Amino acid sequence: MPNIGMSELLIILGIAVLLFGGRKIPEIGKGLGEGIRQFKNALKSEDKVEEKKPEASPAPPQAGAR
């Protein structure tokens, strides 16, 4: 897979400016950054919840059960 050079990045940036406009691009970047940050925080909090969960212990035998 070839590397993306400076000319390719400029073409992609130019297309993005044409599609979204100059004022919209910072808003899109901000939204993307917040989404990535929230995703990372959710992964971290999920890991903490899993660490705090006690291991499941077997249920005690019921009276009268054979």
N, C-alpha and C. Protein backbone atom coordinates (compact mmCIF):
# COMPACT_ATOMS: atom_id res chain seq x y z
N MET A 1 0.85 -1.18 0.00
CA MET A 1 0.00 0.00 0.00
C MET A 1 0.90 1.24 0.00
N PRO A 2 0.72 2.12 -0.96
CA PRO A 2 1.60 3.29 -1.06
C PRO A 2 1.32 4.31 0.06
N ASN A 3 2.36 5.05 0.39
CA ASN A 3 2.23 6.10 1.40
C ASN A 3 1.52 7.31 0.80
N ILE A 4 0.81 8.05 1.63
CA ILE A 4 0.13 9.26 1.18
C ILE A 4 1.11 10.42 1.33
N GLY A 5 1.37 11.12 0.25
CA GLY A 5 2.30 12.23 0.25
C GLY A 5 1.60 13.56 0.49
N MET A 6 2.39 14.62 0.47
CA MET A 6 1.86 15.96 0.72
C MET A 6 0.86 16.38 -0.36
N SER A 7 1.13 16.05 -1.61
CA SER A 7 0.22 16.46 -2.69
C SER A 7 -1.14 15.77 -2.54
N GLU A 8 -1.14 14.50 -2.14
CA GLU A 8 -2.42 13.79 -1.94
C GLU A 8 -3.20 14.39 -0.77
N LEU A 9 -2.50 14.76 0.31
CA LEU A 9 -3.18 15.38 1.45
C LEU A 9 -3.79 16.73 1.07
N LEU A 10 -3.07 17.50 0.25
CA LEU A 10 -3.61 18.79 -0.19
C LEU A 10 -4.84 18.60 -1.07
N ILE A 11 -4.84 17.60 -1.91
CA ILE A 11 -6.01 17.32 -2.75
C ILE A 11 -7.20 16.93 -1.88
N ILE A 12 -6.98 16.07 -0.90
CA ILE A 12 -8.06 15.66 0.01
C ILE A 12 -8.60 16.86 0.78
N LEU A 13 -7.69 17.72 1.28
CA LEU A 13 -8.11 18.93 1.99
C LEU A 13 -8.91 19.85 1.09
N GLY A 14 -8.49 20.00 -0.16
CA GLY A 14 -9.22 20.84 -1.10
C GLY A 14 -10.62 20.31 -1.37
N ILE A 15 -10.74 19.02 -1.52
CA ILE A 15 -12.06 18.41 -1.74
C ILE A 15 -12.95 18.62 -0.52
N ALA A 16 -12.37 18.47 0.69
CA ALA A 16 -13.14 18.66 1.92
C ALA A 16 -13.63 20.11 2.02
N VAL A 17 -12.79 21.07 1.65
CA VAL A 17 -13.20 22.48 1.69
C VAL A 17 -14.32 22.73 0.70
N LEU A 18 -14.23 22.14 -0.48
CA LEU A 18 -15.30 22.31 -1.48
C LEU A 18 -16.61 21.69 -1.01
N LEU A 19 -16.53 20.52 -0.38
CA LEU A 19 -17.75 19.84 0.05
C LEU A 19 -18.40 20.50 1.26
N PHE A 20 -17.60 20.86 2.26
CA PHE A 20 -18.17 21.33 3.52
C PHE A 20 -18.06 22.83 3.73
N GLY A 21 -17.17 23.49 3.06
CA GLY A 21 -16.97 24.92 3.27
C GLY A 21 -15.95 25.16 4.35
N GLY A 22 -15.31 26.29 4.31
CA GLY A 22 -14.23 26.63 5.23
C GLY A 22 -14.68 26.75 6.68
N ARG A 23 -15.89 27.18 6.90
CA ARG A 23 -16.37 27.37 8.28
C ARG A 23 -16.81 26.07 8.94
N LYS A 24 -17.18 25.12 8.15
CA LYS A 24 -17.71 23.87 8.68
C LYS A 24 -16.61 22.89 9.09
N ILE A 25 -15.43 22.98 8.49
CA ILE A 25 -14.36 22.02 8.74
C ILE A 25 -13.89 22.04 10.21
N PRO A 26 -13.68 23.21 10.85
CA PRO A 26 -13.30 23.17 12.27
C PRO A 26 -14.38 22.53 13.16
N GLU A 27 -15.64 22.74 12.82
CA GLU A 27 -16.73 22.13 13.58
C GLU A 27 -16.70 20.61 13.43
N ILE A 28 -16.42 20.14 12.23
CA ILE A 28 -16.34 18.69 11.99
C ILE A 28 -15.16 18.10 12.76
N GLY A 29 -14.04 18.79 12.75
CA GLY A 29 -12.86 18.33 13.50
C GLY A 29 -13.12 18.28 14.99
N LYS A 30 -13.79 19.31 15.49
CA LYS A 30 -14.12 19.35 16.92
C LYS A 30 -15.06 18.21 17.29
N GLY A 31 -16.06 17.99 16.49
CA GLY A 31 -17.00 16.90 16.75
C GLY A 31 -16.33 15.54 16.69
N LEU A 32 -15.44 15.37 15.73
CA LEU A 32 -14.71 14.10 15.61
C LEU A 32 -13.80 13.89 16.82
N GLY A 33 -13.13 14.93 17.26
CA GLY A 33 -12.26 14.84 18.44
C GLY A 33 -13.04 14.50 19.69
N GLU A 34 -14.21 15.14 19.88
CA GLU A 34 -15.04 14.84 21.04
C GLU A 34 -15.55 13.41 20.99
N GLY A 35 -15.91 12.95 19.82
CA GLY A 35 -16.39 11.58 19.69
C GLY A 35 -15.32 10.56 20.04
N ILE A 36 -14.10 10.80 19.58
CA ILE A 36 -12.99 9.90 19.89
C ILE A 36 -12.71 9.93 21.39
N ARG A 37 -12.74 11.12 22.00
CA ARG A 37 -12.49 11.24 23.44
C ARG A 37 -13.56 10.50 24.24
N GLN A 38 -14.82 10.64 23.87
CA GLN A 38 -15.89 9.94 24.57
C GLN A 38 -15.76 8.43 24.41
N PHE A 39 -15.37 7.99 23.24
CA PHE A 39 -15.17 6.56 23.01
C PHE A 39 -14.07 6.01 23.91
N LYS A 40 -12.95 6.73 24.00
CA LYS A 40 -11.85 6.29 24.85
C LYS A 40 -12.28 6.27 26.32
N ASN A 41 -13.01 7.30 26.75
CA ASN A 41 -13.48 7.33 28.13
C ASN A 41 -14.44 6.19 28.42
N ALA A 42 -15.29 5.86 27.47
CA ALA A 42 -16.22 4.75 27.65
C ALA A 42 -15.47 3.43 27.77
N LEU A 43 -14.43 3.26 26.98
CA LEU A 43 -13.63 2.04 27.07
C LEU A 43 -12.93 1.95 28.42
N LYS A 44 -12.39 3.06 28.90
CA LYS A 44 -11.71 3.07 30.19
C LYS A 44 -12.69 2.78 31.33
N SER A 45 -13.87 3.40 31.30
CA SER A 45 -14.84 3.18 32.37
C SER A 45 -15.37 1.75 32.34
N GLU A 46 -15.48 1.16 31.15
CA GLU A 46 -15.93 -0.22 31.03
C GLU A 46 -14.91 -1.17 31.64
N ASP A 47 -13.63 -0.87 31.44
CA ASP A 47 -12.57 -1.69 32.03
C ASP A 47 -12.61 -1.60 33.55
N LYS A 48 -12.88 -0.42 34.09
CA LYS A 48 -12.95 -0.24 35.54
C LYS A 48 -14.13 -1.01 36.12
N VAL A 49 -15.26 -1.02 35.42
CA VAL A 49 -16.44 -1.72 35.90
C VAL A 49 -16.16 -3.22 35.92
N GLU A 50 -15.49 -3.74 34.91
CA GLU A 50 -15.17 -5.16 34.86
C GLU A 50 -14.22 -5.55 35.98
N GLU A 51 -13.29 -4.66 36.36
CA GLU A 51 -12.35 -4.96 37.43
C GLU A 51 -13.06 -5.00 38.77
N LYS A 52 -14.08 -4.19 38.97
CA LYS A 52 -14.79 -4.10 40.23
C LYS A 52 -15.80 -5.23 40.42
N LYS A 53 -16.22 -5.88 39.35
CA LYS A 53 -17.21 -6.95 39.46
C LYS A 53 -16.64 -8.12 40.24
N PRO A 54 -17.36 -8.58 41.27
CA PRO A 54 -16.89 -9.77 41.97
C PRO A 54 -17.14 -11.00 41.11
N GLU A 55 -16.32 -12.01 41.32
CA GLU A 55 -16.50 -13.23 40.56
C GLU A 55 -17.79 -13.90 41.00
N ALA A 56 -18.47 -14.50 40.07
CA ALA A 56 -19.74 -15.16 40.37
C ALA A 56 -19.47 -16.40 41.20
N SER A 57 -20.16 -16.50 42.34
CA SER A 57 -20.01 -17.68 43.17
C SER A 57 -21.17 -18.62 42.89
N PRO A 58 -20.97 -19.91 43.03
CA PRO A 58 -22.06 -20.84 42.75
C PRO A 58 -23.20 -20.63 43.73
N ALA A 59 -24.40 -20.85 43.27
CA ALA A 59 -25.59 -20.65 44.11
C ALA A 59 -25.62 -21.75 45.17
N PRO A 60 -26.03 -21.40 46.39
CA PRO A 60 -26.11 -22.41 47.44
C PRO A 60 -27.21 -23.43 47.11
N PRO A 61 -27.04 -24.67 47.53
CA PRO A 61 -28.05 -25.68 47.24
C PRO A 61 -29.36 -25.36 47.93
N GLN A 62 -30.44 -25.62 47.23
CA GLN A 62 -31.76 -25.32 47.76
C GLN A 62 -32.23 -26.48 48.66
N ALA A 63 -32.98 -26.12 49.69
CA ALA A 63 -33.50 -27.14 50.62
C ALA A 63 -34.53 -27.99 49.89
N GLY A 64 -34.45 -29.31 50.07
CA GLY A 64 -35.40 -30.20 49.46
C GLY A 64 -35.05 -30.59 48.05
N ALA A 65 -34.01 -30.05 47.48
CA ALA A 65 -33.64 -30.41 46.12
C ALA A 65 -32.81 -31.68 46.13
N ARG A 66 -33.03 -32.56 45.20
CA ARG A 66 -32.31 -33.83 45.15
C ARG A 66 -31.29 -33.83 44.08
